[in-house]
Full PDB file with SEQRES, HELIX, SHEET, SSBOND, CRYST1, ORIGX, SCALE, CONECT and MASTER records, all heavy atoms in Angstrom:
SEQRES   1 A   34  THR ALA ASN VAL GLU ARG TYR LEU GLN SER LEU GLU VAL          
SEQRES   2 A   34  GLU GLU THR VAL GLU GLU ASN ARG LYS ASP ARG LEU PRO          
SEQRES   3 A   34  PHE LEU LYS TRP LEU ILE GLY ASN                              
HELIX    1 AA1 VAL A    4  GLU A   15  1                                  12    
HELIX    2 AA2 GLU A   18  ASN A   20  5                                   3    
HELIX    3 AA3 PHE A   27  GLY A   33  1                                   7    
CRYST1    1.000    1.000    1.000  90.00  90.00  90.00 P 1           1          
ORIGX1      1.000000  0.000000  0.000000        0.00000                         
ORIGX2      0.000000  1.000000  0.000000        0.00000                         
ORIGX3      0.000000  0.000000  1.000000        0.00000                         
SCALE1      1.000000  0.000000  0.000000        0.00000                         
SCALE2      0.000000  1.000000  0.000000        0.00000                         
SCALE3      0.000000  0.000000  1.000000        0.00000                         
ATOM      1  N   THR A   1      36.348 -82.182 -67.611  1.00  0.00           N  
ATOM      2  CA  THR A   1      36.517 -81.695 -68.979  1.00  0.00           C  
ATOM      3  C   THR A   1      37.859 -80.984 -69.221  1.00  0.00           C  
ATOM      4  O   THR A   1      38.100 -80.633 -70.392  1.00  0.00           O  
ATOM      5  CB  THR A   1      35.391 -80.668 -69.199  1.00  0.00           C  
ATOM      6  OG1 THR A   1      35.503 -79.578 -68.275  1.00  0.00           O  
ATOM      7  CG2 THR A   1      34.040 -81.292 -69.065  1.00  0.00           C  
ATOM      8  N   ALA A   2      38.726 -81.048 -68.286  1.00  0.00           N  
ATOM      9  CA  ALA A   2      40.043 -80.401 -68.493  1.00  0.00           C  
ATOM     10  C   ALA A   2      40.818 -81.170 -69.568  1.00  0.00           C  
ATOM     11  O   ALA A   2      40.836 -82.377 -69.672  1.00  0.00           O  
ATOM     12  CB  ALA A   2      40.909 -80.505 -67.177  1.00  0.00           C  
ATOM     13  N   ASN A   3      41.353 -80.374 -70.478  1.00  0.00           N  
ATOM     14  CA  ASN A   3      42.161 -80.918 -71.634  1.00  0.00           C  
ATOM     15  C   ASN A   3      43.556 -81.225 -71.157  1.00  0.00           C  
ATOM     16  O   ASN A   3      44.495 -80.410 -71.407  1.00  0.00           O  
ATOM     17  CB  ASN A   3      42.132 -79.867 -72.811  1.00  0.00           C  
ATOM     18  CG  ASN A   3      42.674 -80.507 -74.046  1.00  0.00           C  
ATOM     19  OD1 ASN A   3      43.386 -81.554 -74.083  1.00  0.00           O  
ATOM     20  ND2 ASN A   3      42.456 -79.839 -75.137  1.00  0.00           N  
ATOM     21  N   VAL A   4      43.688 -82.268 -70.464  1.00  0.00           N  
ATOM     22  CA  VAL A   4      45.021 -82.645 -69.908  1.00  0.00           C  
ATOM     23  C   VAL A   4      46.098 -82.904 -70.998  1.00  0.00           C  
ATOM     24  O   VAL A   4      47.209 -82.776 -70.768  1.00  0.00           O  
ATOM     25  CB  VAL A   4      44.902 -83.838 -68.932  1.00  0.00           C  
ATOM     26  CG1 VAL A   4      44.068 -83.522 -67.754  1.00  0.00           C  
ATOM     27  CG2 VAL A   4      44.353 -85.069 -69.639  1.00  0.00           C  
ATOM     28  N   GLU A   5      45.566 -83.346 -72.180  1.00  0.00           N  
ATOM     29  CA  GLU A   5      46.536 -83.591 -73.257  1.00  0.00           C  
ATOM     30  C   GLU A   5      47.200 -82.285 -73.673  1.00  0.00           C  
ATOM     31  O   GLU A   5      48.430 -82.274 -73.973  1.00  0.00           O  
ATOM     32  CB  GLU A   5      45.796 -84.177 -74.468  1.00  0.00           C  
ATOM     33  CG  GLU A   5      45.334 -85.615 -74.276  1.00  0.00           C  
ATOM     34  CD  GLU A   5      46.505 -86.521 -73.974  1.00  0.00           C  
ATOM     35  OE1 GLU A   5      47.577 -86.347 -74.551  1.00  0.00           O  
ATOM     36  OE2 GLU A   5      46.284 -87.446 -73.111  1.00  0.00           O  
ATOM     37  N   ARG A   6      46.467 -81.192 -73.610  1.00  0.00           N  
ATOM     38  CA  ARG A   6      47.056 -79.887 -73.943  1.00  0.00           C  
ATOM     39  C   ARG A   6      48.134 -79.537 -72.854  1.00  0.00           C  
ATOM     40  O   ARG A   6      49.132 -78.987 -73.231  1.00  0.00           O  
ATOM     41  CB  ARG A   6      45.926 -78.860 -73.924  1.00  0.00           C  
ATOM     42  CG  ARG A   6      46.392 -77.438 -74.274  1.00  0.00           C  
ATOM     43  CD  ARG A   6      45.214 -76.494 -74.263  1.00  0.00           C  
ATOM     44  NE  ARG A   6      45.577 -75.138 -74.428  1.00  0.00           N  
ATOM     45  CZ  ARG A   6      44.778 -74.083 -74.315  1.00  0.00           C  
ATOM     46  NH1 ARG A   6      43.544 -74.305 -74.001  1.00  0.00           N  
ATOM     47  NH2 ARG A   6      45.279 -72.855 -74.494  1.00  0.00           N  
ATOM     48  N   TYR A   7      47.848 -79.824 -71.633  1.00  0.00           N  
ATOM     49  CA  TYR A   7      48.847 -79.575 -70.592  1.00  0.00           C  
ATOM     50  C   TYR A   7      50.095 -80.411 -70.825  1.00  0.00           C  
ATOM     51  O   TYR A   7      51.199 -79.887 -70.727  1.00  0.00           O  
ATOM     52  CB  TYR A   7      48.229 -79.882 -69.183  1.00  0.00           C  
ATOM     53  CG  TYR A   7      49.233 -79.924 -68.102  1.00  0.00           C  
ATOM     54  CD1 TYR A   7      49.816 -78.662 -67.625  1.00  0.00           C  
ATOM     55  CD2 TYR A   7      49.697 -81.073 -67.476  1.00  0.00           C  
ATOM     56  CE1 TYR A   7      50.753 -78.631 -66.683  1.00  0.00           C  
ATOM     57  CE2 TYR A   7      50.631 -81.024 -66.452  1.00  0.00           C  
ATOM     58  CZ  TYR A   7      51.143 -79.811 -66.069  1.00  0.00           C  
ATOM     59  OH  TYR A   7      52.144 -79.801 -65.025  1.00  0.00           O  
ATOM     60  N   LEU A   8      49.893 -81.705 -71.105  1.00  0.00           N  
ATOM     61  CA  LEU A   8      51.061 -82.592 -71.287  1.00  0.00           C  
ATOM     62  C   LEU A   8      51.874 -82.159 -72.500  1.00  0.00           C  
ATOM     63  O   LEU A   8      53.140 -82.266 -72.525  1.00  0.00           O  
ATOM     64  CB  LEU A   8      50.606 -83.997 -71.466  1.00  0.00           C  
ATOM     65  CG  LEU A   8      49.947 -84.648 -70.274  1.00  0.00           C  
ATOM     66  CD1 LEU A   8      49.417 -86.033 -70.581  1.00  0.00           C  
ATOM     67  CD2 LEU A   8      50.913 -84.678 -69.080  1.00  0.00           C  
ATOM     68  N   GLN A   9      51.182 -81.605 -73.510  1.00  0.00           N  
ATOM     69  CA  GLN A   9      51.905 -81.137 -74.746  1.00  0.00           C  
ATOM     70  C   GLN A   9      52.741 -79.915 -74.398  1.00  0.00           C  
ATOM     71  O   GLN A   9      53.856 -79.738 -74.914  1.00  0.00           O  
ATOM     72  CB  GLN A   9      50.847 -80.774 -75.860  1.00  0.00           C  
ATOM     73  CG  GLN A   9      50.238 -82.015 -76.534  1.00  0.00           C  
ATOM     74  CD  GLN A   9      49.088 -81.648 -77.417  1.00  0.00           C  
ATOM     75  OE1 GLN A   9      48.825 -80.462 -77.628  1.00  0.00           O  
ATOM     76  NE2 GLN A   9      48.428 -82.624 -77.941  1.00  0.00           N  
ATOM     77  N   SER A  10      52.192 -79.133 -73.499  1.00  0.00           N  
ATOM     78  CA  SER A  10      52.994 -77.871 -73.072  1.00  0.00           C  
ATOM     79  C   SER A  10      54.250 -78.303 -72.335  1.00  0.00           C  
ATOM     80  O   SER A  10      55.240 -77.664 -72.473  1.00  0.00           O  
ATOM     81  CB  SER A  10      52.114 -76.990 -72.174  1.00  0.00           C  
ATOM     82  OG  SER A  10      51.927 -77.578 -70.910  1.00  0.00           O  
ATOM     83  N   LEU A  11      54.189 -79.422 -71.579  1.00  0.00           N  
ATOM     84  CA  LEU A  11      55.377 -79.928 -70.900  1.00  0.00           C  
ATOM     85  C   LEU A  11      56.425 -80.417 -71.972  1.00  0.00           C  
ATOM     86  O   LEU A  11      57.600 -80.207 -71.833  1.00  0.00           O  
ATOM     87  CB  LEU A  11      55.020 -81.074 -69.968  1.00  0.00           C  
ATOM     88  CG  LEU A  11      54.157 -80.690 -68.727  1.00  0.00           C  
ATOM     89  CD1 LEU A  11      53.917 -81.940 -67.900  1.00  0.00           C  
ATOM     90  CD2 LEU A  11      54.827 -79.586 -67.910  1.00  0.00           C  
ATOM     91  N   GLU A  12      55.908 -81.099 -73.008  1.00  0.00           N  
ATOM     92  CA  GLU A  12      56.799 -81.605 -74.033  1.00  0.00           C  
ATOM     93  C   GLU A  12      57.538 -80.447 -74.761  1.00  0.00           C  
ATOM     94  O   GLU A  12      58.713 -80.528 -75.025  1.00  0.00           O  
ATOM     95  CB  GLU A  12      56.025 -82.405 -74.988  1.00  0.00           C  
ATOM     96  CG  GLU A  12      55.484 -83.738 -74.479  1.00  0.00           C  
ATOM     97  CD  GLU A  12      54.594 -84.426 -75.475  1.00  0.00           C  
ATOM     98  OE1 GLU A  12      54.492 -83.968 -76.629  1.00  0.00           O  
ATOM     99  OE2 GLU A  12      54.065 -85.520 -75.162  1.00  0.00           O  
ATOM    100  N   VAL A  13      56.832 -79.374 -75.027  1.00  0.00           N  
ATOM    101  CA  VAL A  13      57.457 -78.206 -75.587  1.00  0.00           C  
ATOM    102  C   VAL A  13      58.536 -77.631 -74.687  1.00  0.00           C  
ATOM    103  O   VAL A  13      59.630 -77.310 -75.046  1.00  0.00           O  
ATOM    104  CB  VAL A  13      56.393 -77.107 -75.921  1.00  0.00           C  
ATOM    105  CG1 VAL A  13      57.096 -75.722 -76.392  1.00  0.00           C  
ATOM    106  CG2 VAL A  13      55.421 -77.612 -76.954  1.00  0.00           C  
ATOM    107  N   GLU A  14      58.245 -77.556 -73.351  1.00  0.00           N  
ATOM    108  CA  GLU A  14      59.190 -77.054 -72.409  1.00  0.00           C  
ATOM    109  C   GLU A  14      60.450 -77.914 -72.368  1.00  0.00           C  
ATOM    110  O   GLU A  14      61.558 -77.404 -72.311  1.00  0.00           O  
ATOM    111  CB  GLU A  14      58.571 -76.950 -70.987  1.00  0.00           C  
ATOM    112  CG  GLU A  14      57.511 -75.879 -70.872  1.00  0.00           C  
ATOM    113  CD  GLU A  14      56.860 -75.925 -69.472  1.00  0.00           C  
ATOM    114  OE1 GLU A  14      57.227 -76.826 -68.666  1.00  0.00           O  
ATOM    115  OE2 GLU A  14      56.037 -75.053 -69.197  1.00  0.00           O  
ATOM    116  N   GLU A  15      60.280 -79.261 -72.437  1.00  0.00           N  
ATOM    117  CA  GLU A  15      61.369 -80.147 -72.348  1.00  0.00           C  
ATOM    118  C   GLU A  15      62.322 -80.023 -73.549  1.00  0.00           C  
ATOM    119  O   GLU A  15      63.541 -80.441 -73.487  1.00  0.00           O  
ATOM    120  CB  GLU A  15      60.888 -81.608 -72.235  1.00  0.00           C  
ATOM    121  CG  GLU A  15      60.182 -81.923 -70.937  1.00  0.00           C  
ATOM    122  CD  GLU A  15      61.153 -81.876 -69.671  1.00  0.00           C  
ATOM    123  OE1 GLU A  15      62.357 -82.167 -69.895  1.00  0.00           O  
ATOM    124  OE2 GLU A  15      60.729 -81.449 -68.638  1.00  0.00           O  
ATOM    125  N   THR A  16      61.868 -79.502 -74.713  1.00  0.00           N  
ATOM    126  CA  THR A  16      62.739 -79.386 -75.879  1.00  0.00           C  
ATOM    127  C   THR A  16      63.593 -78.192 -75.771  1.00  0.00           C  
ATOM    128  O   THR A  16      64.580 -77.986 -76.586  1.00  0.00           O  
ATOM    129  CB  THR A  16      61.854 -79.276 -77.140  1.00  0.00           C  
ATOM    130  OG1 THR A  16      61.053 -78.019 -77.066  1.00  0.00           O  
ATOM    131  CG2 THR A  16      60.979 -80.500 -77.330  1.00  0.00           C  
ATOM    132  N   VAL A  17      63.339 -77.311 -74.851  1.00  0.00           N  
ATOM    133  CA  VAL A  17      64.182 -76.050 -74.687  1.00  0.00           C  
ATOM    134  C   VAL A  17      64.929 -76.163 -73.383  1.00  0.00           C  
ATOM    135  O   VAL A  17      64.261 -76.189 -72.314  1.00  0.00           O  
ATOM    136  CB  VAL A  17      63.273 -74.787 -74.756  1.00  0.00           C  
ATOM    137  CG1 VAL A  17      64.169 -73.571 -74.615  1.00  0.00           C  
ATOM    138  CG2 VAL A  17      62.463 -74.810 -76.006  1.00  0.00           C  
ATOM    139  N   GLU A  18      66.220 -76.166 -73.447  1.00  0.00           N  
ATOM    140  CA  GLU A  18      67.032 -76.448 -72.229  1.00  0.00           C  
ATOM    141  C   GLU A  18      66.662 -75.529 -71.072  1.00  0.00           C  
ATOM    142  O   GLU A  18      66.512 -76.034 -69.973  1.00  0.00           O  
ATOM    143  CB  GLU A  18      68.481 -76.330 -72.623  1.00  0.00           C  
ATOM    144  CG  GLU A  18      69.473 -76.540 -71.475  1.00  0.00           C  
ATOM    145  CD  GLU A  18      69.483 -78.028 -71.030  1.00  0.00           C  
ATOM    146  OE1 GLU A  18      69.195 -78.906 -71.857  1.00  0.00           O  
ATOM    147  OE2 GLU A  18      69.824 -78.321 -69.854  1.00  0.00           O  
ATOM    148  N   GLU A  19      66.590 -74.214 -71.339  1.00  0.00           N  
ATOM    149  CA  GLU A  19      66.356 -73.301 -70.207  1.00  0.00           C  
ATOM    150  C   GLU A  19      65.010 -73.409 -69.618  1.00  0.00           C  
ATOM    151  O   GLU A  19      64.680 -72.884 -68.531  1.00  0.00           O  
ATOM    152  CB  GLU A  19      66.676 -71.881 -70.649  1.00  0.00           C  
ATOM    153  CG  GLU A  19      65.732 -71.355 -71.781  1.00  0.00           C  
ATOM    154  CD  GLU A  19      66.493 -71.523 -73.109  1.00  0.00           C  
ATOM    155  OE1 GLU A  19      67.253 -72.442 -73.261  1.00  0.00           O  
ATOM    156  OE2 GLU A  19      66.160 -70.761 -74.040  1.00  0.00           O  
ATOM    157  N   ASN A  20      64.062 -74.075 -70.349  1.00  0.00           N  
ATOM    158  CA  ASN A  20      62.678 -74.223 -69.779  1.00  0.00           C  
ATOM    159  C   ASN A  20      62.456 -75.447 -68.909  1.00  0.00           C  
ATOM    160  O   ASN A  20      61.418 -75.594 -68.266  1.00  0.00           O  
ATOM    161  CB  ASN A  20      61.705 -74.224 -70.882  1.00  0.00           C  
ATOM    162  CG  ASN A  20      61.488 -72.890 -71.564  1.00  0.00           C  
ATOM    163  OD1 ASN A  20      61.886 -71.941 -71.001  1.00  0.00           O  
ATOM    164  ND2 ASN A  20      60.913 -72.863 -72.788  1.00  0.00           N  
ATOM    165  N   ARG A  21      63.472 -76.323 -68.910  1.00  0.00           N  
ATOM    166  CA  ARG A  21      63.218 -77.613 -68.248  1.00  0.00           C  
ATOM    167  C   ARG A  21      63.031 -77.428 -66.730  1.00  0.00           C  
ATOM    168  O   ARG A  21      62.337 -78.251 -66.122  1.00  0.00           O  
ATOM    169  CB  ARG A  21      64.406 -78.604 -68.548  1.00  0.00           C  
ATOM    170  CG  ARG A  21      64.464 -79.056 -69.968  1.00  0.00           C  
ATOM    171  CD  ARG A  21      65.603 -79.942 -70.182  1.00  0.00           C  
ATOM    172  NE  ARG A  21      65.682 -80.362 -71.649  1.00  0.00           N  
ATOM    173  CZ  ARG A  21      66.608 -81.101 -72.125  1.00  0.00           C  
ATOM    174  NH1 ARG A  21      67.630 -81.471 -71.383  1.00  0.00           N  
ATOM    175  NH2 ARG A  21      66.616 -81.419 -73.431  1.00  0.00           N  
ATOM    176  N   LYS A  22      63.586 -76.367 -66.227  1.00  0.00           N  
ATOM    177  CA  LYS A  22      63.474 -76.206 -64.769  1.00  0.00           C  
ATOM    178  C   LYS A  22      62.196 -75.398 -64.417  1.00  0.00           C  
ATOM    179  O   LYS A  22      61.896 -75.164 -63.255  1.00  0.00           O  
ATOM    180  CB  LYS A  22      64.714 -75.439 -64.279  1.00  0.00           C  
ATOM    181  CG  LYS A  22      65.968 -76.228 -64.387  1.00  0.00           C  
ATOM    182  CD  LYS A  22      67.167 -75.413 -63.813  1.00  0.00           C  
ATOM    183  CE  LYS A  22      68.475 -76.268 -63.873  1.00  0.00           C  
ATOM    184  NZ  LYS A  22      69.640 -75.572 -63.302  1.00  0.00           N  
ATOM    185  N   ASP A  23      61.453 -74.957 -65.432  1.00  0.00           N  
ATOM    186  CA  ASP A  23      60.289 -74.139 -65.168  1.00  0.00           C  
ATOM    187  C   ASP A  23      58.990 -74.800 -65.518  1.00  0.00           C  
ATOM    188  O   ASP A  23      58.075 -74.231 -66.111  1.00  0.00           O  
ATOM    189  CB  ASP A  23      60.405 -72.814 -66.040  1.00  0.00           C  
ATOM    190  CG  ASP A  23      61.585 -72.042 -65.703  1.00  0.00           C  
ATOM    191  OD1 ASP A  23      62.103 -72.184 -64.552  1.00  0.00           O  
ATOM    192  OD2 ASP A  23      62.076 -71.245 -66.508  1.00  0.00           O  
ATOM    193  N   ARG A  24      58.886 -76.103 -65.083  1.00  0.00           N  
ATOM    194  CA  ARG A  24      57.648 -76.831 -65.342  1.00  0.00           C  
ATOM    195  C   ARG A  24      56.445 -76.189 -64.640  1.00  0.00           C  
ATOM    196  O   ARG A  24      56.514 -75.901 -63.468  1.00  0.00           O  
ATOM    197  CB  ARG A  24      57.793 -78.309 -64.870  1.00  0.00           C  
ATOM    198  CG  ARG A  24      58.904 -79.119 -65.562  1.00  0.00           C  
ATOM    199  CD  ARG A  24      58.835 -80.583 -65.096  1.00  0.00           C  
ATOM    200  NE  ARG A  24      59.866 -81.349 -65.675  1.00  0.00           N  
ATOM    201  CZ  ARG A  24      61.043 -81.675 -65.035  1.00  0.00           C  
ATOM    202  NH1 ARG A  24      61.244 -81.163 -63.807  1.00  0.00           N  
ATOM    203  NH2 ARG A  24      61.952 -82.366 -65.670  1.00  0.00           N  
ATOM    204  N   LEU A  25      55.388 -76.015 -65.401  1.00  0.00           N  
ATOM    205  CA  LEU A  25      54.209 -75.445 -64.867  1.00  0.00           C  
ATOM    206  C   LEU A  25      53.463 -76.481 -64.003  1.00  0.00           C  
ATOM    207  O   LEU A  25      53.078 -77.534 -64.509  1.00  0.00           O  
ATOM    208  CB  LEU A  25      53.271 -75.000 -66.022  1.00  0.00           C  
ATOM    209  CG  LEU A  25      51.928 -74.306 -65.613  1.00  0.00           C  
ATOM    210  CD1 LEU A  25      52.174 -73.022 -64.949  1.00  0.00           C  
ATOM    211  CD2 LEU A  25      51.086 -74.145 -66.897  1.00  0.00           C  
ATOM    212  N   PRO A  26      53.186 -76.200 -62.725  1.00  0.00           N  
ATOM    213  CA  PRO A  26      52.466 -77.118 -61.903  1.00  0.00           C  
ATOM    214  C   PRO A  26      51.080 -77.372 -62.498  1.00  0.00           C  
ATOM    215  O   PRO A  26      50.445 -76.428 -62.977  1.00  0.00           O  
ATOM    216  CB  PRO A  26      52.372 -76.410 -60.521  1.00  0.00           C  
ATOM    217  CG  PRO A  26      53.500 -75.482 -60.605  1.00  0.00           C  
ATOM    218  CD  PRO A  26      53.642 -74.971 -61.961  1.00  0.00           C  
ATOM    219  N   PHE A  27      50.599 -78.622 -62.479  1.00  0.00           N  
ATOM    220  CA  PHE A  27      49.311 -78.916 -63.007  1.00  0.00           C  
ATOM    221  C   PHE A  27      48.265 -78.193 -62.256  1.00  0.00           C  
ATOM    222  O   PHE A  27      47.229 -77.707 -62.871  1.00  0.00           O  
ATOM    223  CB  PHE A  27      49.002 -80.414 -62.991  1.00  0.00           C  
ATOM    224  CG  PHE A  27      47.693 -80.753 -63.557  1.00  0.00           C  
ATOM    225  CD1 PHE A  27      47.442 -80.613 -64.912  1.00  0.00           C  
ATOM    226  CD2 PHE A  27      46.702 -81.294 -62.756  1.00  0.00           C  
ATOM    227  CE1 PHE A  27      46.238 -80.934 -65.469  1.00  0.00           C  
ATOM    228  CE2 PHE A  27      45.438 -81.601 -63.285  1.00  0.00           C  
ATOM    229  CZ  PHE A  27      45.222 -81.415 -64.696  1.00  0.00           C  
ATOM    230  N   LEU A  28      48.417 -78.025 -60.990  1.00  0.00           N  
ATOM    231  CA  LEU A  28      47.348 -77.334 -60.148  1.00  0.00           C  
ATOM    232  C   LEU A  28      47.193 -75.875 -60.687  1.00  0.00           C  
ATOM    233  O   LEU A  28      46.116 -75.375 -60.758  1.00  0.00           O  
ATOM    234  CB  LEU A  28      47.712 -77.369 -58.667  1.00  0.00           C  
ATOM    235  CG  LEU A  28      46.765 -76.635 -57.780  1.00  0.00           C  
ATOM    236  CD1 LEU A  28      45.367 -77.162 -57.867  1.00  0.00           C  
ATOM    237  CD2 LEU A  28      47.213 -76.625 -56.294  1.00  0.00           C  
ATOM    238  N   LYS A  29      48.327 -75.221 -60.922  1.00  0.00           N  
ATOM    239  CA  LYS A  29      48.262 -73.875 -61.389  1.00  0.00           C  
ATOM    240  C   LYS A  29      47.608 -73.796 -62.840  1.00  0.00           C  
ATOM    241  O   LYS A  29      46.816 -72.934 -63.054  1.00  0.00           O  
ATOM    242  CB  LYS A  29      49.666 -73.263 -61.500  1.00  0.00           C  
ATOM    243  CG  LYS A  29      49.811 -71.838 -61.962  1.00  0.00           C  
ATOM    244  CD  LYS A  29      51.207 -71.333 -61.821  1.00  0.00           C  
ATOM    245  CE  LYS A  29      51.276 -69.903 -62.303  1.00  0.00           C  
ATOM    246  NZ  LYS A  29      52.661 -69.355 -62.082  1.00  0.00           N  
ATOM    247  N   TRP A  30      47.956 -74.771 -63.617  1.00  0.00           N  
ATOM    248  CA  TRP A  30      47.396 -74.790 -65.019  1.00  0.00           C  
ATOM    249  C   TRP A  30      45.858 -75.081 -64.903  1.00  0.00           C  
ATOM    250  O   TRP A  30      45.143 -74.479 -65.627  1.00  0.00           O  
ATOM    251  CB  TRP A  30      48.119 -75.888 -65.789  1.00  0.00           C  
ATOM    252  CG  TRP A  30      47.526 -76.082 -67.214  1.00  0.00           C  
ATOM    253  CD1 TRP A  30      47.953 -75.462 -68.327  1.00  0.00           C  
ATOM    254  CD2 TRP A  30      46.435 -76.874 -67.622  1.00  0.00           C  
ATOM    255  NE1 TRP A  30      47.209 -75.819 -69.419  1.00  0.00           N  
ATOM    256  CE2 TRP A  30      46.263 -76.690 -68.956  1.00  0.00           C  
ATOM    257  CE3 TRP A  30      45.545 -77.762 -66.931  1.00  0.00           C  
ATOM    258  CZ2 TRP A  30      45.252 -77.367 -69.713  1.00  0.00           C  
ATOM    259  CZ3 TRP A  30      44.566 -78.403 -67.668  1.00  0.00           C  
ATOM    260  CH2 TRP A  30      44.467 -78.168 -69.032  1.00  0.00           C  
ATOM    261  N   LEU A  31      45.483 -75.968 -63.995  1.00  0.00           N  
ATOM    262  CA  LEU A  31      44.102 -76.385 -63.864  1.00  0.00           C  
ATOM    263  C   LEU A  31      43.244 -75.167 -63.496  1.00  0.00           C  
ATOM    264  O   LEU A  31      42.137 -74.921 -64.070  1.00  0.00           O  
ATOM    265  CB  LEU A  31      44.002 -77.489 -62.873  1.00  0.00           C  
ATOM    266  CG  LEU A  31      42.628 -78.182 -62.688  1.00  0.00           C  
ATOM    267  CD1 LEU A  31      42.277 -78.936 -63.938  1.00  0.00           C  
ATOM    268  CD2 LEU A  31      42.632 -79.111 -61.491  1.00  0.00           C  
ATOM    269  N   ILE A  32      43.708 -74.390 -62.478  1.00  0.00           N  
ATOM    270  CA  ILE A  32      42.922 -73.297 -61.973  1.00  0.00           C  
ATOM    271  C   ILE A  32      42.830 -72.178 -63.061  1.00  0.00           C  
ATOM    272  O   ILE A  32      41.791 -71.569 -63.198  1.00  0.00           O  
ATOM    273  CB  ILE A  32      43.609 -72.764 -60.695  1.00  0.00           C  
ATOM    274  CG1 ILE A  32      43.474 -73.751 -59.517  1.00  0.00           C  
ATOM    275  CG2 ILE A  32      42.967 -71.398 -60.259  1.00  0.00           C  
ATOM    276  CD1 ILE A  32      44.185 -73.418 -58.315  1.00  0.00           C  
ATOM    277  N   GLY A  33      43.874 -72.002 -63.881  1.00  0.00           N  
ATOM    278  CA  GLY A  33      43.867 -71.036 -64.922  1.00  0.00           C  
ATOM    279  C   GLY A  33      43.190 -71.433 -66.232  1.00  0.00           C  
ATOM    280  O   GLY A  33      42.858 -70.599 -67.030  1.00  0.00           O  
ATOM    281  N   ASN A  34      42.829 -72.753 -66.385  1.00  0.00           N  
ATOM    282  CA  ASN A  34      42.343 -73.166 -67.713  1.00  0.00           C  
ATOM    283  C   ASN A  34      41.023 -73.902 -67.648  1.00  0.00           C  
ATOM    284  O   ASN A  34      40.508 -74.357 -68.681  1.00  0.00           O  
ATOM    285  CB  ASN A  34      43.370 -74.062 -68.366  1.00  0.00           C  
ATOM    286  CG  ASN A  34      44.565 -73.333 -68.875  1.00  0.00           C  
ATOM    287  OD1 ASN A  34      44.553 -72.856 -69.980  1.00  0.00           O  
ATOM    288  ND2 ASN A  34      45.610 -73.271 -68.036  1.00  0.00           N  
TER     289      ASN A  34                                                      
MASTER        0    0    0    3    0    0    0    6  288    1    0    3          
END                                                                             
């Protein structure tokens, strides 16, 4: 039931900001927290 689309959208937001590109949230960390 994990909303993986929401996770992928968060990556897209990160990619639009130069300083965030290096700080990709691991999916495992996101999964455990969401």
